[in-house]
C-alpha atoms as a PDB file:
ATOM      1  CA  LEU A   1      59.293 152.024  72.263  1.00  0.00           C
ATOM      2  CA  VAL A   2      56.602 151.748  74.954  1.00  0.00           C
ATOM      3  CA  ALA A   3      55.132 148.642  73.313  1.00  0.00           C
ATOM      4  CA  TYR A   4      58.601 147.067  73.180  1.00  0.00           C
ATOM      5  CA  LEU A   5      59.178 147.774  76.876  1.00  0.00           C
ATOM      6  CA  ASP A   6      55.765 146.284  77.714  1.00  0.00           C
ATOM      7  CA  ILE A   7      56.695 143.091  75.857  1.00  0.00           C
ATOM      8  CA  LEU A   8      60.020 142.893  77.690  1.00  0.00           C
ATOM      9  CA  ALA A   9      58.253 143.309  81.028  1.00  0.00           C
ATOM     10  CA  GLU A  10      55.844 140.469  80.193  1.00  0.00           C
ATOM     11  CA  VAL A  11      58.650 138.116  79.144  1.00  0.00           C
ATOM     12  CA  LYS A  12      60.677 138.964  82.242  1.00  0.00           C
ATOM     13  CA  ASP A  13      57.782 137.976  84.527  1.00  0.00           C
ATOM     14  CA  GLU A  14      57.356 134.542  82.919  1.00  0.00           C
ATOM     15  CA  LYS A  15      59.036 131.802  84.921  1.00  0.00           C
ATOM     16  CA  PRO A  16      59.730 128.329  83.589  1.00  0.00           C
ATOM     17  CA  LEU A  17      57.334 125.683  84.828  1.00  0.00           C
ATOM     18  CA  LEU A  18      60.227 123.491  85.992  1.00  0.00           C
ATOM     19  CA  THR A  19      63.657 124.400  87.271  1.00  0.00           C
ATOM     20  CA  GLU A  20      66.608 122.600  85.692  1.00  0.00           C
ATOM     21  CA  ASN A  21      66.939 120.348  88.752  1.00  0.00           C
ATOM     22  CA  GLY A  22      63.176 119.881  88.886  1.00  0.00           C
ATOM     23  CA  ALA A  23      63.139 118.680  85.274  1.00  0.00           C
ATOM     24  CA  ILE A  24      66.012 116.259  85.915  1.00  0.00           C
ATOM     25  CA  ILE A  25      64.324 114.874  89.025  1.00  0.00           C
ATOM     26  CA  LEU A  26      60.875 114.601  87.460  1.00  0.00           C
ATOM     27  CA  LYS A  27      62.290 112.837  84.401  1.00  0.00           C
ATOM     28  CA  TYR A  28      64.180 110.416  86.653  1.00  0.00           C
ATOM     29  CA  LEU A  29      61.071 109.681  88.728  1.00  0.00           C
ATOM     30  CA  GLN A  30      59.031 109.100  85.571  1.00  0.00           C
ATOM     31  CA  GLU A  31      61.655 106.695  84.214  1.00  0.00           C
ATOM     32  CA  HIS A  32      61.633 104.793  87.515  1.00  0.00           C
ATOM     33  CA  SER A  33      57.905 104.874  88.161  1.00  0.00           C
ATOM     34  CA  ASP A  34      58.016 101.237  89.289  1.00  0.00           C
ATOM     35  CA  ILE A  35      59.378 102.646  92.569  1.00  0.00           C
ATOM     36  CA  ARG A  36      56.434 104.400  94.176  1.00  0.00           C
ATOM     37  CA  CYS A  37      57.982 106.202  97.146  1.00  0.00           C
ATOM     38  CA  TRP A  38      61.151 108.260  97.326  1.00  0.00           C
ATOM     39  CA  LYS A  39      63.131 110.018 100.034  1.00  0.00           C
ATOM     40  CA  SER A  40      64.799 113.281  99.053  1.00  0.00           C
ATOM     41  CA  LYS A  41      68.195 111.844  99.975  1.00  0.00           C
ATOM     42  CA  ASP A  42      67.714 108.913  97.582  1.00  0.00           C
ATOM     43  CA  ILE A  43      66.568 111.230  94.805  1.00  0.00           C
ATOM     44  CA  ALA A  44      69.661 113.383  95.319  1.00  0.00           C
ATOM     45  CA  GLU A  45      71.990 110.389  95.199  1.00  0.00           C
ATOM     46  CA  GLN A  46      70.400 108.916  92.079  1.00  0.00           C
ATOM     47  CA  THR A  47      70.307 112.180  90.129  1.00  0.00           C
ATOM     48  CA  VAL A  48      73.720 113.420  91.360  1.00  0.00           C
ATOM     49  CA  ILE A  49      72.162 116.645  92.667  1.00  0.00           C
ATOM     50  CA  SER A  50      73.087 117.969  96.103  1.00  0.00           C
ATOM     51  CA  SER A  51      70.678 117.051  98.896  1.00  0.00           C
ATOM     52  CA  ARG A  52      69.872 120.706  99.500  1.00  0.00           C
ATOM     53  CA  SER A  53      69.114 121.360  95.808  1.00  0.00           C
ATOM     54  CA  ALA A  54      67.060 118.175  95.545  1.00  0.00           C
ATOM     55  CA  SER A  55      65.015 119.169  98.602  1.00  0.00           C
ATOM     56  CA  GLY A  56      64.302 122.595  97.114  1.00  0.00           C
ATOM     57  CA  ALA A  57      63.377 121.098  93.747  1.00  0.00           C
ATOM     58  CA  MET A  58      61.075 118.579  95.436  1.00  0.00           C
ATOM     59  CA  ARG A  59      59.369 121.362  97.387  1.00  0.00           C
ATOM     60  CA  LYS A  60      58.619 123.158  94.091  1.00  0.00           C
ATOM     61  CA  LEU A  61      57.468 119.931  92.428  1.00  0.00           C
ATOM     62  CA  VAL A  62      55.051 119.382  95.327  1.00  0.00           C
ATOM     63  CA  ASN A  63      53.806 122.999  95.237  1.00  0.00           C
ATOM     64  CA  ASP A  64      53.251 122.748  91.471  1.00  0.00           C
ATOM     65  CA  GLY A  65      51.344 119.458  91.783  1.00  0.00           C
ATOM     66  CA  PHE A  66      53.860 117.109  90.109  1.00  0.00           C
ATOM     67  CA  CYS A  67      54.589 115.171  93.308  1.00  0.00           C
ATOM     68  CA  GLU A  68      52.920 114.661  96.634  1.00  0.00           C
ATOM     69  CA  LYS A  69      54.510 114.562 100.050  1.00  0.00           C
ATOM     70  CA  ILE A  70      53.598 111.645 102.287  1.00  0.00           C
ATOM     71  CA  GLY A  71      54.438 111.565 105.989  1.00  0.00           C
ATOM     72  CA  SER A  72      56.885 113.706 107.880  1.00  0.00           C
ATOM     73  CA  SER A  73      59.656 111.584 109.337  1.00  0.00           C
ATOM     74  CA  PRO A  74      61.041 110.657 106.937  1.00  0.00           C
ATOM     75  CA  VAL A  75      59.320 112.661 104.233  1.00  0.00           C
ATOM     76  CA  ILE A  76      58.406 110.416 101.320  1.00  0.00           C
ATOM     77  CA  TYR A  77      57.510 111.673  97.837  1.00  0.00           C
ATOM     78  CA  ASN A  78      55.321 110.097  95.198  1.00  0.00           C
ATOM     79  CA  LEU A  79      54.478 111.187  91.644  1.00  0.00           C
ATOM     80  CA  THR A  80      50.969 112.508  91.031  1.00  0.00           C
ATOM     81  CA  GLU A  81      49.099 111.795  87.803  1.00  0.00           C
ATOM     82  CA  LYS A  82      50.216 115.230  86.597  1.00  0.00           C
ATOM     83  CA  GLY A  83      53.831 114.295  87.324  1.00  0.00           C
ATOM     84  CA  LYS A  84      53.509 110.916  85.617  1.00  0.00           C
ATOM     85  CA  ASN A  85      52.035 112.392  82.441  1.00  0.00           C
ATOM     86  CA  PHE A  86      53.988 115.652  82.099  1.00  0.00           C
ATOM     87  CA  LYS A  87      56.158 115.781  78.956  1.00  0.00           C
ATOM     88  CA  ILE A  88      59.664 116.890  79.869  1.00  0.00           C
ATOM     89  CA  ILE A  89      62.054 118.346  77.342  1.00  0.00           C
ATOM     90  CA  ILE A  90      65.633 118.738  78.555  1.00  0.00           C
ATOM     91  CA  GLU A  91      67.906 120.700  76.231  1.00  0.00           C
ATOM     92  CA  GLY A  92      70.764 118.700  74.766  1.00  0.00           C
ATOM     93  CA  GLU A  93      68.946 115.366  74.954  1.00  0.00           C
ATOM     94  CA  ASN A  94      67.592 113.516  71.938  1.00  0.00           C
END
């Protein structure tokens, strides 16, 4: 029983590398890599994710090294090499 509870505790602490919105955004940016710089508002519009959710997902993508933030007004995002090369698997897609 103790071993089982230890395993459950370990699994509970594991977080996915990408959020659902983060995966959608990263996949979109990879598919449109010919465009080098993105504003959060444009990302939200193109992925049909709310601006607030897109901003939060972009913040996590930057913190995790998939994107970089350039400038401050407006904030522009660009894919890093890690973001360009990361294999994304979204459930339900072939």
